[in-house]
Amino acid sequence: AAELYDQRHMRGTLLAYSEHRATEDFLERPGEQDLTAHVNFTGLD
């Protein structure tokens, strides 16, 4: 958590994946691209 929410992640980590490209166009083409966000291992702990 301390790294996930630090200054290097001011925009968060949510990304859309399409054709091996990552973008922040989360709302484009619903259901046609993958959406992922980094896992918080402290939270799992």
PDB file of all heavy atoms in Angstrom:
ATOM      1  N   ALA A   1       0.805  -1.218   0.000  1.00  0.00           N
ATOM      2  CA  ALA A   1       0.000   0.000   0.000  1.00  0.00           C
ATOM      3  C   ALA A   1       0.842   1.274   0.000  1.00  0.00           C
ATOM      4  O   ALA A   1       0.528   2.242  -0.708  1.00  0.00           O
ATOM      5  CB  ALA A   1      -0.940  -0.001   1.205  1.00  0.00           C
ATOM      6  N   ALA A   2       1.927   1.289   0.772  1.00  0.00           N
ATOM      7  CA  ALA A   2       2.750   2.496   0.865  1.00  0.00           C
ATOM      8  C   ALA A   2       3.321   2.891  -0.491  1.00  0.00           C
ATOM      9  O   ALA A   2       3.509   4.079  -0.779  1.00  0.00           O
ATOM     10  CB  ALA A   2       3.881   2.282   1.868  1.00  0.00           C
ATOM     11  N   GLU A   3       3.595   1.912  -1.335  1.00  0.00           N
ATOM     12  CA  GLU A   3       4.116   2.201  -2.679  1.00  0.00           C
ATOM     13  C   GLU A   3       2.987   2.434  -3.672  1.00  0.00           C
ATOM     14  O   GLU A   3       3.082   3.300  -4.548  1.00  0.00           O
ATOM     15  CB  GLU A   3       4.993   1.047  -3.150  1.00  0.00           C
ATOM     16  CG  GLU A   3       5.634   1.282  -4.508  1.00  0.00           C
ATOM     17  CD  GLU A   3       6.554   0.155  -4.943  1.00  0.00           C
ATOM     18  OE1 GLU A   3       6.785  -0.769  -4.131  1.00  0.00           O
ATOM     19  OE2 GLU A   3       7.026   0.195  -6.095  1.00  0.00           O
ATOM     20  N   LEU A   4       1.906   1.687  -3.540  1.00  0.00           N
ATOM     21  CA  LEU A   4       0.794   1.805  -4.475  1.00  0.00           C
ATOM     22  C   LEU A   4       0.183   3.202  -4.458  1.00  0.00           C
ATOM     23  O   LEU A   4      -0.268   3.713  -5.491  1.00  0.00           O
ATOM     24  CB  LEU A   4      -0.275   0.761  -4.133  1.00  0.00           C
ATOM     25  CG  LEU A   4      -1.487   0.672  -5.059  1.00  0.00           C
ATOM     26  CD1 LEU A   4      -1.078   0.276  -6.473  1.00  0.00           C
ATOM     27  CD2 LEU A   4      -2.498  -0.322  -4.497  1.00  0.00           C
ATOM     28  N   TYR A   5       0.172   3.829  -3.296  1.00  0.00           N
ATOM     29  CA  TYR A   5      -0.462   5.138  -3.156  1.00  0.00           C
ATOM     30  C   TYR A   5       0.551   6.257  -2.939  1.00  0.00           C
ATOM     31  O   TYR A   5       0.241   7.273  -2.323  1.00  0.00           O
ATOM     32  CB  TYR A   5      -1.472   5.093  -2.005  1.00  0.00           C
ATOM     33  CG  TYR A   5      -2.573   4.076  -2.231  1.00  0.00           C
ATOM     34  CD1 TYR A   5      -2.683   2.936  -1.432  1.00  0.00           C
ATOM     35  CD2 TYR A   5      -3.498   4.232  -3.257  1.00  0.00           C
ATOM     36  CE1 TYR A   5      -3.672   1.994  -1.644  1.00  0.00           C
ATOM     37  CE2 TYR A   5      -4.483   3.295  -3.485  1.00  0.00           C
ATOM     38  CZ  TYR A   5      -4.575   2.175  -2.677  1.00  0.00           C
ATOM     39  OH  TYR A   5      -5.572   1.238  -2.896  1.00  0.00           O
ATOM     40  N   ASP A   6       1.762   6.085  -3.467  1.00  0.00           N
ATOM     41  CA  ASP A   6       2.776   7.121  -3.280  1.00  0.00           C
ATOM     42  C   ASP A   6       2.737   8.143  -4.420  1.00  0.00           C
ATOM     43  O   ASP A   6       1.849   8.108  -5.290  1.00  0.00           O
ATOM     44  CB  ASP A   6       4.170   6.499  -3.131  1.00  0.00           C
ATOM     45  CG  ASP A   6       4.663   5.811  -4.407  1.00  0.00           C
ATOM     46  OD1 ASP A   6       4.022   5.971  -5.476  1.00  0.00           O
ATOM     47  OD2 ASP A   6       5.693   5.104  -4.336  1.00  0.00           O
ATOM     48  N   GLN A   7       3.719   9.053  -4.445  1.00  0.00           N
ATOM     49  CA  GLN A   7       3.733  10.144  -5.415  1.00  0.00           C
ATOM     50  C   GLN A   7       3.865   9.671  -6.856  1.00  0.00           C
ATOM     51  O   GLN A   7       3.499  10.395  -7.785  1.00  0.00           O
ATOM     52  CB  GLN A   7       4.881  11.111  -5.094  1.00  0.00           C
ATOM     53  CG  GLN A   7       4.637  11.968  -3.863  1.00  0.00           C
ATOM     54  CD  GLN A   7       5.748  12.979  -3.663  1.00  0.00           C
ATOM     55  OE1 GLN A   7       6.912  12.664  -3.879  1.00  0.00           O
ATOM     56  NE2 GLN A   7       5.383  14.186  -3.256  1.00  0.00           N
ATOM     57  N   ARG A   8       4.397   8.465  -7.051  1.00  0.00           N
ATOM     58  CA  ARG A   8       4.563   7.968  -8.412  1.00  0.00           C
ATOM     59  C   ARG A   8       3.252   7.483  -9.018  1.00  0.00           C
ATOM     60  O   ARG A   8       3.192   7.169 -10.212  1.00  0.00           O
ATOM     61  CB  ARG A   8       5.594   6.836  -8.437  1.00  0.00           C
ATOM     62  CG  ARG A   8       7.021   7.278  -8.136  1.00  0.00           C
ATOM     63  CD  ARG A   8       7.956   6.100  -8.016  1.00  0.00           C
ATOM     64  NE  ARG A   8       7.614   5.262  -6.877  1.00  0.00           N
ATOM     65  CZ  ARG A   8       8.214   4.111  -6.592  1.00  0.00           C
ATOM     66  NH1 ARG A   8       9.176   3.659  -7.384  1.00  0.00           N
ATOM     67  NH2 ARG A   8       7.857   3.417  -5.536  1.00  0.00           N
ATOM     68  N   HIS A   9       2.221   7.394  -8.205  1.00  0.00           N
ATOM     69  CA  HIS A   9       0.935   6.896  -8.695  1.00  0.00           C
ATOM     70  C   HIS A   9      -0.167   7.931  -8.454  1.00  0.00           C
ATOM     71  O   HIS A   9      -1.266   7.593  -8.001  1.00  0.00           O
ATOM     72  CB  HIS A   9       0.594   5.570  -8.014  1.00  0.00           C
ATOM     73  CG  HIS A   9       1.574   4.474  -8.291  1.00  0.00           C
ATOM     74  ND1 HIS A   9       2.557   4.100  -7.403  1.00  0.00           N
ATOM     75  CD2 HIS A   9       1.745   3.683  -9.384  1.00  0.00           C
ATOM     76  CE1 HIS A   9       3.275   3.121  -7.920  1.00  0.00           C
ATOM     77  NE2 HIS A   9       2.807   2.853  -9.120  1.00  0.00           N
ATOM     78  N   MET A  10       0.121   9.170  -8.780  1.00  0.00           N
ATOM     79  CA  MET A  10      -0.848  10.242  -8.543  1.00  0.00           C
ATOM     80  C   MET A  10      -2.107  10.094  -9.401  1.00  0.00           C
ATOM     81  O   MET A  10      -3.154  10.628  -9.055  1.00  0.00           O
ATOM     82  CB  MET A  10      -0.195  11.600  -8.807  1.00  0.00           C
ATOM     83  CG  MET A  10       0.842  12.002  -7.778  1.00  0.00           C
ATOM     84  SD  MET A  10       0.116  12.338  -6.147  1.00  0.00           S
ATOM     85  CE  MET A  10      -0.791  13.870  -6.461  1.00  0.00           C
ATOM     86  N   ARG A  11      -1.996   9.389 -10.515  1.00  0.00           N
ATOM     87  CA  ARG A  11      -3.161   9.185 -11.388  1.00  0.00           C
ATOM     88  C   ARG A  11      -3.788   7.811 -11.181  1.00  0.00           C
ATOM     89  O   ARG A  11      -4.666   7.399 -11.935  1.00  0.00           O
ATOM     90  CB  ARG A  11      -2.776   9.359 -12.854  1.00  0.00           C
ATOM     91  CG  ARG A  11      -2.380  10.788 -13.201  1.00  0.00           C
ATOM     92  CD  ARG A  11      -2.197  10.955 -14.698  1.00  0.00           C
ATOM     93  NE  ARG A  11      -3.391  10.589 -15.453  1.00  0.00           N
ATOM     94  CZ  ARG A  11      -4.463  11.374 -15.591  1.00  0.00           C
ATOM     95  NH1 ARG A  11      -4.483  12.574 -15.015  1.00  0.00           N
ATOM     96  NH2 ARG A  11      -5.496  10.978 -16.302  1.00  0.00           N
ATOM     97  N   GLY A  12      -3.343   7.104 -10.156  1.00  0.00           N
ATOM     98  CA  GLY A  12      -3.846   5.760  -9.937  1.00  0.00           C
ATOM     99  C   GLY A  12      -3.194   4.775 -10.881  1.00  0.00           C
ATOM    100  O   GLY A  12      -2.198   5.079 -11.538  1.00  0.00           O
ATOM    101  N   THR A  13      -3.759   3.577 -10.961  1.00  0.00           N
ATOM    102  CA  THR A  13      -3.153   2.532 -11.799  1.00  0.00           C
ATOM    103  C   THR A  13      -4.134   1.899 -12.778  1.00  0.00           C
ATOM    104  O   THR A  13      -3.756   0.994 -13.518  1.00  0.00           O
ATOM    105  CB  THR A  13      -2.572   1.408 -10.911  1.00  0.00           C
ATOM    106  OG1 THR A  13      -3.645   0.745 -10.218  1.00  0.00           O
ATOM    107  CG2 THR A  13      -1.556   1.954  -9.912  1.00  0.00           C
ATOM    108  N   LEU A  14      -5.377   2.361 -12.807  1.00  0.00           N
ATOM    109  CA  LEU A  14      -6.372   1.765 -13.705  1.00  0.00           C
ATOM    110  C   LEU A  14      -5.972   2.003 -15.159  1.00  0.00           C
ATOM    111  O   LEU A  14      -5.632   3.123 -15.546  1.00  0.00           O
ATOM    112  CB  LEU A  14      -7.750   2.375 -13.449  1.00  0.00           C
ATOM    113  CG  LEU A  14      -8.917   1.765 -14.253  1.00  0.00           C
ATOM    114  CD1 LEU A  14      -9.164   0.320 -13.846  1.00  0.00           C
ATOM    115  CD2 LEU A  14     -10.186   2.596 -14.060  1.00  0.00           C
ATOM    116  N   LEU A  15      -5.987   0.924 -15.948  1.00  0.00           N
ATOM    117  CA  LEU A  15      -5.635   1.011 -17.362  1.00  0.00           C
ATOM    118  C   LEU A  15      -6.577   0.151 -18.191  1.00  0.00           C
ATOM    119  O   LEU A  15      -7.121  -0.847 -17.711  1.00  0.00           O
ATOM    120  CB  LEU A  15      -4.196   0.551 -17.607  1.00  0.00           C
ATOM    121  CG  LEU A  15      -3.070   1.453 -17.082  1.00  0.00           C
ATOM    122  CD1 LEU A  15      -1.728   0.750 -17.236  1.00  0.00           C
ATOM    123  CD2 LEU A  15      -3.057   2.802 -17.797  1.00  0.00           C
ATOM    124  N   ALA A  16      -6.746   0.551 -19.444  1.00  0.00           N
ATOM    125  CA  ALA A  16      -7.471  -0.245 -20.424  1.00  0.00           C
ATOM    126  C   ALA A  16      -6.448  -0.848 -21.379  1.00  0.00           C
ATOM    127  O   ALA A  16      -5.503  -0.167 -21.789  1.00  0.00           O
ATOM    128  CB  ALA A  16      -8.460   0.621 -21.191  1.00  0.00           C
ATOM    129  N   TYR A  17      -6.621  -2.138 -21.720  1.00  0.00           N
ATOM    130  CA  TYR A  17      -5.702  -2.815 -22.631  1.00  0.00           C
ATOM    131  C   TYR A  17      -6.451  -3.249 -23.886  1.00  0.00           C
ATOM    132  O   TYR A  17      -7.490  -3.900 -23.818  1.00  0.00           O
ATOM    133  CB  TYR A  17      -5.086  -4.048 -21.966  1.00  0.00           C
ATOM    134  CG  TYR A  17      -3.986  -3.724 -21.002  1.00  0.00           C
ATOM    135  CD1 TYR A  17      -4.257  -3.471 -19.666  1.00  0.00           C
ATOM    136  CD2 TYR A  17      -2.660  -3.645 -21.434  1.00  0.00           C
ATOM    137  CE1 TYR A  17      -3.236  -3.161 -18.769  1.00  0.00           C
ATOM    138  CE2 TYR A  17      -1.632  -3.340 -20.546  1.00  0.00           C
ATOM    139  CZ  TYR A  17      -1.940  -3.101 -19.227  1.00  0.00           C
ATOM    140  OH  TYR A  17      -0.919  -2.793 -18.351  1.00  0.00           O
ATOM    141  N   SER A  18      -5.880  -2.877 -25.027  1.00  0.00           N
ATOM    142  CA  SER A  18      -6.442  -3.274 -26.312  1.00  0.00           C
ATOM    143  C   SER A  18      -5.315  -3.348 -27.323  1.00  0.00           C
ATOM    144  O   SER A  18      -4.510  -2.411 -27.430  1.00  0.00           O
ATOM    145  CB  SER A  18      -7.506  -2.262 -26.773  1.00  0.00           C
ATOM    146  OG  SER A  18      -8.069  -2.667 -28.009  1.00  0.00           O
ATOM    147  N   GLU A  19      -5.237  -4.458 -28.039  1.00  0.00           N
ATOM    148  CA  GLU A  19      -4.217  -4.658 -29.065  1.00  0.00           C
ATOM    149  C   GLU A  19      -2.812  -4.409 -28.517  1.00  0.00           C
ATOM    150  O   GLU A  19      -1.987  -3.750 -29.135  1.00  0.00           O
ATOM    151  CB  GLU A  19      -4.498  -3.782 -30.282  1.00  0.00           C
ATOM    152  CG  GLU A  19      -5.829  -4.121 -30.950  1.00  0.00           C
ATOM    153  CD  GLU A  19      -6.150  -3.227 -32.125  1.00  0.00           C
ATOM    154  OE1 GLU A  19      -5.411  -2.246 -32.338  1.00  0.00           O
ATOM    155  OE2 GLU A  19      -7.124  -3.519 -32.837  1.00  0.00           O
ATOM    156  N   HIS A  20      -2.569  -4.922 -27.301  1.00  0.00           N
ATOM    157  CA  HIS A  20      -1.273  -4.843 -26.621  1.00  0.00           C
ATOM    158  C   HIS A  20      -0.845  -3.400 -26.346  1.00  0.00           C
ATOM    159  O   HIS A  20       0.341  -3.117 -26.189  1.00  0.00           O
ATOM    160  CB  HIS A  20      -0.191  -5.583 -27.418  1.00  0.00           C
ATOM    161  CG  HIS A  20      -0.436  -7.060 -27.481  1.00  0.00           C
ATOM    162  ND1 HIS A  20      -0.015  -7.934 -26.498  1.00  0.00           N
ATOM    163  CD2 HIS A  20      -1.099  -7.814 -28.399  1.00  0.00           C
ATOM    164  CE1 HIS A  20      -0.397  -9.163 -26.815  1.00  0.00           C
ATOM    165  NE2 HIS A  20      -1.055  -9.115 -27.951  1.00  0.00           N
ATOM    166  N   ARG A  21      -1.811  -2.508 -26.248  1.00  0.00           N
ATOM    167  CA  ARG A  21      -1.533  -1.115 -25.873  1.00  0.00           C
ATOM    168  C   ARG A  21      -2.330  -0.782 -24.620  1.00  0.00           C
ATOM    169  O   ARG A  21      -3.500  -1.155 -24.498  1.00  0.00           O
ATOM    170  CB  ARG A  21      -1.906  -0.143 -26.989  1.00  0.00           C
ATOM    171  CG  ARG A  21      -1.025  -0.228 -28.233  1.00  0.00           C
ATOM    172  CD  ARG A  21      -1.307   0.917 -29.202  1.00  0.00           C
ATOM    173  NE  ARG A  21      -2.723   1.017 -29.515  1.00  0.00           N
ATOM    174  CZ  ARG A  21      -3.512   2.018 -29.124  1.00  0.00           C
ATOM    175  NH1 ARG A  21      -3.026   2.993 -28.371  1.00  0.00           N
ATOM    176  NH2 ARG A  21      -4.781   2.027 -29.471  1.00  0.00           N
ATOM    177  N   ALA A  22      -1.685  -0.042 -23.714  1.00  0.00           N
ATOM    178  CA  ALA A  22      -2.350   0.401 -22.490  1.00  0.00           C
ATOM    179  C   ALA A  22      -2.734   1.875 -22.642  1.00  0.00           C
ATOM    180  O   ALA A  22      -1.921   2.690 -23.087  1.00  0.00           O
ATOM    181  CB  ALA A  22      -1.426   0.224 -21.292  1.00  0.00           C
ATOM    182  N   THR A  23      -3.970   2.195 -22.281  1.00  0.00           N
ATOM    183  CA  THR A  23      -4.441   3.578 -22.352  1.00  0.00           C
ATOM    184  C   THR A  23      -5.269   3.898 -21.107  1.00  0.00           C
ATOM    185  O   THR A  23      -5.586   3.019 -20.310  1.00  0.00           O
ATOM    186  CB  THR A  23      -5.317   3.827 -23.601  1.00  0.00           C
ATOM    187  OG1 THR A  23      -6.603   3.200 -23.407  1.00  0.00           O
ATOM    188  CG2 THR A  23      -4.669   3.257 -24.857  1.00  0.00           C
ATOM    189  N   GLU A  24      -5.621   5.172 -20.955  1.00  0.00           N
ATOM    190  CA  GLU A  24      -6.540   5.596 -19.902  1.00  0.00           C
ATOM    191  C   GLU A  24      -7.927   5.890 -20.464  1.00  0.00           C
ATOM    192  O   GLU A  24      -8.739   6.570 -19.828  1.00  0.00           O
ATOM    193  CB  GLU A  24      -5.975   6.821 -19.185  1.00  0.00           C
ATOM    194  CG  GLU A  24      -4.703   6.520 -18.396  1.00  0.00           C
ATOM    195  CD  GLU A  24      -4.196   7.713 -17.599  1.00  0.00           C
ATOM    196  OE1 GLU A  24      -4.717   8.831 -17.794  1.00  0.00           O
ATOM    197  OE2 GLU A  24      -3.301   7.515 -16.769  1.00  0.00           O
ATOM    198  N   ASP A  25      -8.227   5.345 -21.635  1.00  0.00           N
ATOM    199  CA  ASP A  25      -9.549   5.525 -22.250  1.00  0.00           C
ATOM    200  C   ASP A  25     -10.505   4.463 -21.719  1.00  0.00           C
ATOM    201  O   ASP A  25     -10.987   3.589 -22.441  1.00  0.00           O
ATOM    202  CB  ASP A  25      -9.438   5.435 -23.781  1.00  0.00           C
ATOM    203  CG  ASP A  25      -8.542   6.500 -24.373  1.00  0.00           C
ATOM    204  OD1 ASP A  25      -8.502   7.599 -23.795  1.00  0.00           O
ATOM    205  OD2 ASP A  25      -7.890   6.233 -25.400  1.00  0.00           O
ATOM    206  N   PHE A  26     -10.784   4.552 -20.408  1.00  0.00           N
ATOM    207  CA  PHE A  26     -11.557   3.496 -19.737  1.00  0.00           C
ATOM    208  C   PHE A  26     -12.969   3.350 -20.287  1.00  0.00           C
ATOM    209  O   PHE A  26     -13.535   2.255 -20.280  1.00  0.00           O
ATOM    210  CB  PHE A  26     -11.676   3.781 -18.234  1.00  0.00           C
ATOM    211  CG  PHE A  26     -10.432   4.288 -17.589  1.00  0.00           C
ATOM    212  CD1 PHE A  26     -10.426   5.492 -16.906  1.00  0.00           C
ATOM    213  CD2 PHE A  26      -9.249   3.562 -17.665  1.00  0.00           C
ATOM    214  CE1 PHE A  26      -9.285   5.968 -16.303  1.00  0.00           C
ATOM    215  CE2 PHE A  26      -8.099   4.028 -17.073  1.00  0.00           C
ATOM    216  CZ  PHE A  26      -8.115   5.238 -16.386  1.00  0.00           C
ATOM    217  N   LEU A  27     -13.556   4.455 -20.740  1.00  0.00           N
ATOM    218  CA  LEU A  27     -14.976   4.452 -21.080  1.00  0.00           C
ATOM    219  C   LEU A  27     -15.243   4.151 -22.549  1.00  0.00           C
ATOM    220  O   LEU A  27     -16.396   4.085 -22.968  1.00  0.00           O
ATOM    221  CB  LEU A  27     -15.599   5.809 -20.717  1.00  0.00           C
ATOM    222  CG  LEU A  27     -15.403   6.260 -19.266  1.00  0.00           C
ATOM    223  CD1 LEU A  27     -16.128   7.572 -18.997  1.00  0.00           C
ATOM    224  CD2 LEU A  27     -15.885   5.190 -18.292  1.00  0.00           C
ATOM    225  N   GLU A  28     -14.181   3.969 -23.318  1.00  0.00           N
ATOM    226  CA  GLU A  28     -14.357   3.673 -24.736  1.00  0.00           C
ATOM    227  C   GLU A  28     -14.679   2.194 -24.944  1.00  0.00           C
ATOM    228  O   GLU A  28     -14.157   1.331 -24.255  1.00  0.00           O
ATOM    229  CB  GLU A  28     -13.084   4.029 -25.512  1.00  0.00           C
ATOM    230  CG  GLU A  28     -12.730   5.517 -25.469  1.00  0.00           C
ATOM    231  CD  GLU A  28     -13.813   6.373 -26.094  1.00  0.00           C
ATOM    232  OE1 GLU A  28     -14.320   5.992 -27.180  1.00  0.00           O
ATOM    233  OE2 GLU A  28     -14.182   7.403 -25.488  1.00  0.00           O
ATOM    234  N   ARG A  29     -15.535   1.902 -25.875  1.00  0.00           N
ATOM    235  CA  ARG A  29     -15.834   0.530 -26.312  1.00  0.00           C
ATOM    236  C   ARG A  29     -16.086  -0.429 -25.145  1.00  0.00           C
ATOM    237  O   ARG A  29     -15.345  -1.373 -24.939  1.00  0.00           O
ATOM    238  CB  ARG A  29     -14.699   0.010 -27.200  1.00  0.00           C
ATOM    239  CG  ARG A  29     -14.472   0.855 -28.445  1.00  0.00           C
ATOM    240  CD  ARG A  29     -13.417   0.296 -29.377  1.00  0.00           C
ATOM    241  NE  ARG A  29     -12.097   0.299 -28.761  1.00  0.00           N
ATOM    242  CZ  ARG A  29     -11.393  -0.808 -28.540  1.00  0.00           C
ATOM    243  NH1 ARG A  29     -11.876  -1.989 -28.844  1.00  0.00           N
ATOM    244  NH2 ARG A  29     -10.191  -0.732 -28.007  1.00  0.00           N
ATOM    245  N   PRO A  30     -17.100  -0.187 -24.342  1.00  0.00           N
ATOM    246  CA  PRO A  30     -17.391  -1.054 -23.191  1.00  0.00           C
ATOM    247  C   PRO A  30     -17.522  -2.516 -23.603  1.00  0.00           C
ATOM    248  O   PRO A  30     -18.211  -2.842 -24.576  1.00  0.00           O
ATOM    249  CB  PRO A  30     -18.723  -0.509 -22.661  1.00  0.00           C
ATOM    250  CG  PRO A  30     -18.800   0.890 -23.173  1.00  0.00           C
ATOM    251  CD  PRO A  30     -18.095   0.889 -24.496  1.00  0.00           C
ATOM    252  N   GLY A  31     -16.812  -3.380 -22.881  1.00  0.00           N
ATOM    253  CA  GLY A  31     -16.860  -4.807 -23.159  1.00  0.00           C
ATOM    254  C   GLY A  31     -15.909  -5.261 -24.252  1.00  0.00           C
ATOM    255  O   GLY A  31     -15.759  -6.457 -24.487  1.00  0.00           O
ATOM    256  N   GLU A  32     -15.214  -4.307 -24.895  1.00  0.00           N
ATOM    257  CA  GLU A  32     -14.318  -4.646 -25.990  1.00  0.00           C
ATOM    258  C   GLU A  32     -12.848  -4.494 -25.624  1.00  0.00           C
ATOM    259  O   GLU A  32     -11.981  -4.710 -26.467  1.00  0.00           O
ATOM    260  CB  GLU A  32     -14.634  -3.756 -27.211  1.00  0.00           C
ATOM    261  CG  GLU A  32     -16.015  -3.971 -27.789  1.00  0.00           C
ATOM    262  CD  GLU A  32     -16.200  -5.377 -28.349  1.00  0.00           C
ATOM    263  OE1 GLU A  32     -15.223  -5.920 -28.901  1.00  0.00           O
ATOM    264  OE2 GLU A  32     -17.306  -5.932 -28.220  1.00  0.00           O
ATOM    265  N   GLN A  33     -12.566  -4.089 -24.390  1.00  0.00           N
ATOM    266  CA  GLN A  33     -11.174  -3.973 -23.957  1.00  0.00           C
ATOM    267  C   GLN A  33     -11.060  -4.394 -22.497  1.00  0.00           C
ATOM    268  O   GLN A  33     -12.034  -4.344 -21.742  1.00  0.00           O
ATOM    269  CB  GLN A  33     -10.645  -2.553 -24.158  1.00  0.00           C
ATOM    270  CG  GLN A  33     -11.450  -1.468 -23.466  1.00  0.00           C
ATOM    271  CD  GLN A  33     -10.894  -0.078 -23.733  1.00  0.00           C
ATOM    272  OE1 GLN A  33      -9.844   0.089 -24.350  1.00  0.00           O
ATOM    273  NE2 GLN A  33     -11.589   0.937 -23.247  1.00  0.00           N
ATOM    274  N   ASP A  34      -9.866  -4.813 -22.141  1.00  0.00           N
ATOM    275  CA  ASP A  34      -9.610  -5.255 -20.766  1.00  0.00           C
ATOM    276  C   ASP A  34      -9.410  -4.037 -19.869  1.00  0.00           C
ATOM    277  O   ASP A  34      -8.885  -3.006 -20.305  1.00  0.00           O
ATOM    278  CB  ASP A  34      -8.360  -6.135 -20.736  1.00  0.00           C
ATOM    279  CG  ASP A  34      -8.184  -6.857 -19.409  1.00  0.00           C
ATOM    280  OD1 ASP A  34      -9.189  -7.037 -18.699  1.00  0.00           O
ATOM    281  OD2 ASP A  34      -7.042  -7.235 -19.097  1.00  0.00           O
ATOM    282  N   LEU A  35      -9.834  -4.149 -18.625  1.00  0.00           N
ATOM    283  CA  LEU A  35      -9.662  -3.089 -17.628  1.00  0.00           C
ATOM    284  C   LEU A  35      -8.984  -3.696 -16.408  1.00  0.00           C
ATOM    285  O   LEU A  35      -9.443  -4.716 -15.889  1.00  0.00           O
ATOM    286  CB  LEU A  35     -11.014  -2.489 -17.223  1.00  0.00           C
ATOM    287  CG  LEU A  35     -11.852  -1.872 -18.335  1.00  0.00           C
ATOM    288  CD1 LEU A  35     -13.242  -1.522 -17.822  1.00  0.00           C
ATOM    289  CD2 LEU A  35     -11.169  -0.629 -18.898  1.00  0.00           C
ATOM    290  N   THR A  36      -7.890  -3.095 -15.955  1.00  0.00           N
ATOM    291  CA  THR A  36      -7.164  -3.658 -14.820  1.00  0.00           C
ATOM    292  C   THR A  36      -6.652  -2.548 -13.906  1.00  0.00           C
ATOM    293  O   THR A  36      -6.436  -1.409 -14.331  1.00  0.00           O
ATOM    294  CB  THR A  36      -5.944  -4.485 -15.262  1.00  0.00           C
ATOM    295  OG1 THR A  36      -4.896  -3.612 -15.702  1.00  0.00           O
ATOM    296  CG2 THR A  36      -6.297  -5.446 -16.375  1.00  0.00           C
ATOM    297  N   ALA A  37      -6.443  -2.894 -12.636  1.00  0.00           N
ATOM    298  CA  ALA A  37      -5.827  -1.990 -11.661  1.00  0.00           C
ATOM    299  C   ALA A  37      -4.876  -2.811 -10.799  1.00  0.00           C
ATOM    300  O   ALA A  37      -5.132  -3.983 -10.507  1.00  0.00           O
ATOM    301  CB  ALA A  37      -6.888  -1.324 -10.793  1.00  0.00           C
ATOM    302  N   HIS A  38      -3.770  -2.201 -10.387  1.00  0.00           N
ATOM    303  CA  HIS A  38      -2.757  -2.923  -9.613  1.00  0.00           C
ATOM    304  C   HIS A  38      -3.327  -3.444  -8.294  1.00  0.00           C
ATOM    305  O   HIS A  38      -4.176  -2.811  -7.667  1.00  0.00           O
ATOM    306  CB  HIS A  38      -1.572  -1.999  -9.313  1.00  0.00           C
ATOM    307  CG  HIS A  38      -0.639  -1.825 -10.467  1.00  0.00           C
ATOM    308  ND1 HIS A  38      -1.072  -1.739 -11.771  1.00  0.00           N
ATOM    309  CD2 HIS A  38       0.714  -1.733 -10.522  1.00  0.00           C
ATOM    310  CE1 HIS A  38      -0.031  -1.594 -12.580  1.00  0.00           C
ATOM    311  NE2 HIS A  38       1.073  -1.595 -11.841  1.00  0.00           N
ATOM    312  N   VAL A  39      -2.803  -4.583  -7.885  1.00  0.00           N
ATOM    313  CA  VAL A  39      -3.252  -5.246  -6.647  1.00  0.00           C
ATOM    314  C   VAL A  39      -2.517  -4.652  -5.449  1.00  0.00           C
ATOM    315  O   VAL A  39      -1.332  -4.340  -5.518  1.00  0.00           O
ATOM    316  CB  VAL A  39      -2.990  -6.760  -6.741  1.00  0.00           C
ATOM    317  CG1 VAL A  39      -3.272  -7.456  -5.413  1.00  0.00           C
ATOM    318  CG2 VAL A  39      -3.828  -7.373  -7.863  1.00  0.00           C
ATOM    319  N   ASN A  40      -3.245  -4.516  -4.358  1.00  0.00           N
ATOM    320  CA  ASN A  40      -2.685  -4.008  -3.107  1.00  0.00           C
ATOM    321  C   ASN A  40      -2.411  -5.207  -2.186  1.00  0.00           C
ATOM    322  O   ASN A  40      -3.322  -5.763  -1.578  1.00  0.00           O
ATOM    323  CB  ASN A  40      -3.685  -3.050  -2.447  1.00  0.00           C
ATOM    324  CG  ASN A  40      -3.225  -2.565  -1.089  1.00  0.00           C
ATOM    325  OD1 ASN A  40      -2.125  -2.879  -0.631  1.00  0.00           O
ATOM    326  ND2 ASN A  40      -4.077  -1.800  -0.438  1.00  0.00           N
ATOM    327  N   PHE A  41      -1.139  -5.616  -2.073  1.00  0.00           N
ATOM    328  CA  PHE A  41      -0.802  -6.797  -1.278  1.00  0.00           C
ATOM    329  C   PHE A  41      -0.944  -6.533   0.217  1.00  0.00           C
ATOM    330  O   PHE A  41      -1.216  -7.464   0.987  1.00  0.00           O
ATOM    331  CB  PHE A  41       0.605  -7.273  -1.625  1.00  0.00           C
ATOM    332  CG  PHE A  41       0.737  -7.750  -3.040  1.00  0.00           C
ATOM    333  CD1 PHE A  41       1.556  -7.091  -3.946  1.00  0.00           C
ATOM    334  CD2 PHE A  41       0.009  -8.845  -3.495  1.00  0.00           C
ATOM    335  CE1 PHE A  41       1.666  -7.513  -5.258  1.00  0.00           C
ATOM    336  CE2 PHE A  41       0.108  -9.278  -4.812  1.00  0.00           C
ATOM    337  CZ  PHE A  41       0.943  -8.608  -5.698  1.00  0.00           C
ATOM    338  N   THR A  42      -0.782  -5.293   0.653  1.00  0.00           N
ATOM    339  CA  THR A  42      -1.012  -4.970   2.067  1.00  0.00           C
ATOM    340  C   THR A  42      -2.473  -5.218   2.426  1.00  0.00           C
ATOM    341  O   THR A  42      -2.783  -5.754   3.495  1.00  0.00           O
ATOM    342  CB  THR A  42      -0.634  -3.513   2.358  1.00  0.00           C
ATOM    343  OG1 THR A  42       0.715  -3.277   1.952  1.00  0.00           O
ATOM    344  CG2 THR A  42      -0.780  -3.195   3.838  1.00  0.00           C
ATOM    345  N   GLY A  43      -3.370  -4.841   1.518  1.00  0.00           N
ATOM    346  CA  GLY A  43      -4.788  -5.080   1.753  1.00  0.00           C
ATOM    347  C   GLY A  43      -5.102  -6.562   1.844  1.00  0.00           C
ATOM    348  O   GLY A  43      -5.868  -7.001   2.713  1.00  0.00           O
ATOM    349  N   LEU A  44      -4.501  -7.366   0.966  1.00  0.00           N
ATOM    350  CA  LEU A  44      -4.723  -8.815   1.027  1.00  0.00           C
ATOM    351  C   LEU A  44      -4.221  -9.376   2.352  1.00  0.00           C
ATOM    352  O   LEU A  44      -4.841 -10.270   2.937  1.00  0.00           O
ATOM    353  CB  LEU A  44      -4.001  -9.507  -0.129  1.00  0.00           C
ATOM    354  CG  LEU A  44      -4.472  -9.195  -1.549  1.00  0.00           C
ATOM    355  CD1 LEU A  44      -3.705 -10.051  -2.554  1.00  0.00           C
ATOM    356  CD2 LEU A  44      -5.971  -9.410  -1.702  1.00  0.00           C
ATOM    357  N   ASP A  45      -3.103  -8.844   2.826  1.00  0.00           N
ATOM    358  CA  ASP A  45      -2.539  -9.283   4.099  1.00  0.00           C
ATOM    359  C   ASP A  45      -3.489  -8.966   5.252  1.00  0.00           C
ATOM    360  O   ASP A  45      -3.825  -9.835   6.066  1.00  0.00           O
ATOM    361  CB  ASP A  45      -1.189  -8.591   4.308  1.00  0.00           C
ATOM    362  CG  ASP A  45      -0.387  -9.182   5.458  1.00  0.00           C
ATOM    363  OD1 ASP A  45      -0.855 -10.159   6.080  1.00  0.00           O
ATOM    364  OD2 ASP A  45       0.703  -8.670   5.745  1.00  0.00           O
TER     365      ASP A  45
END
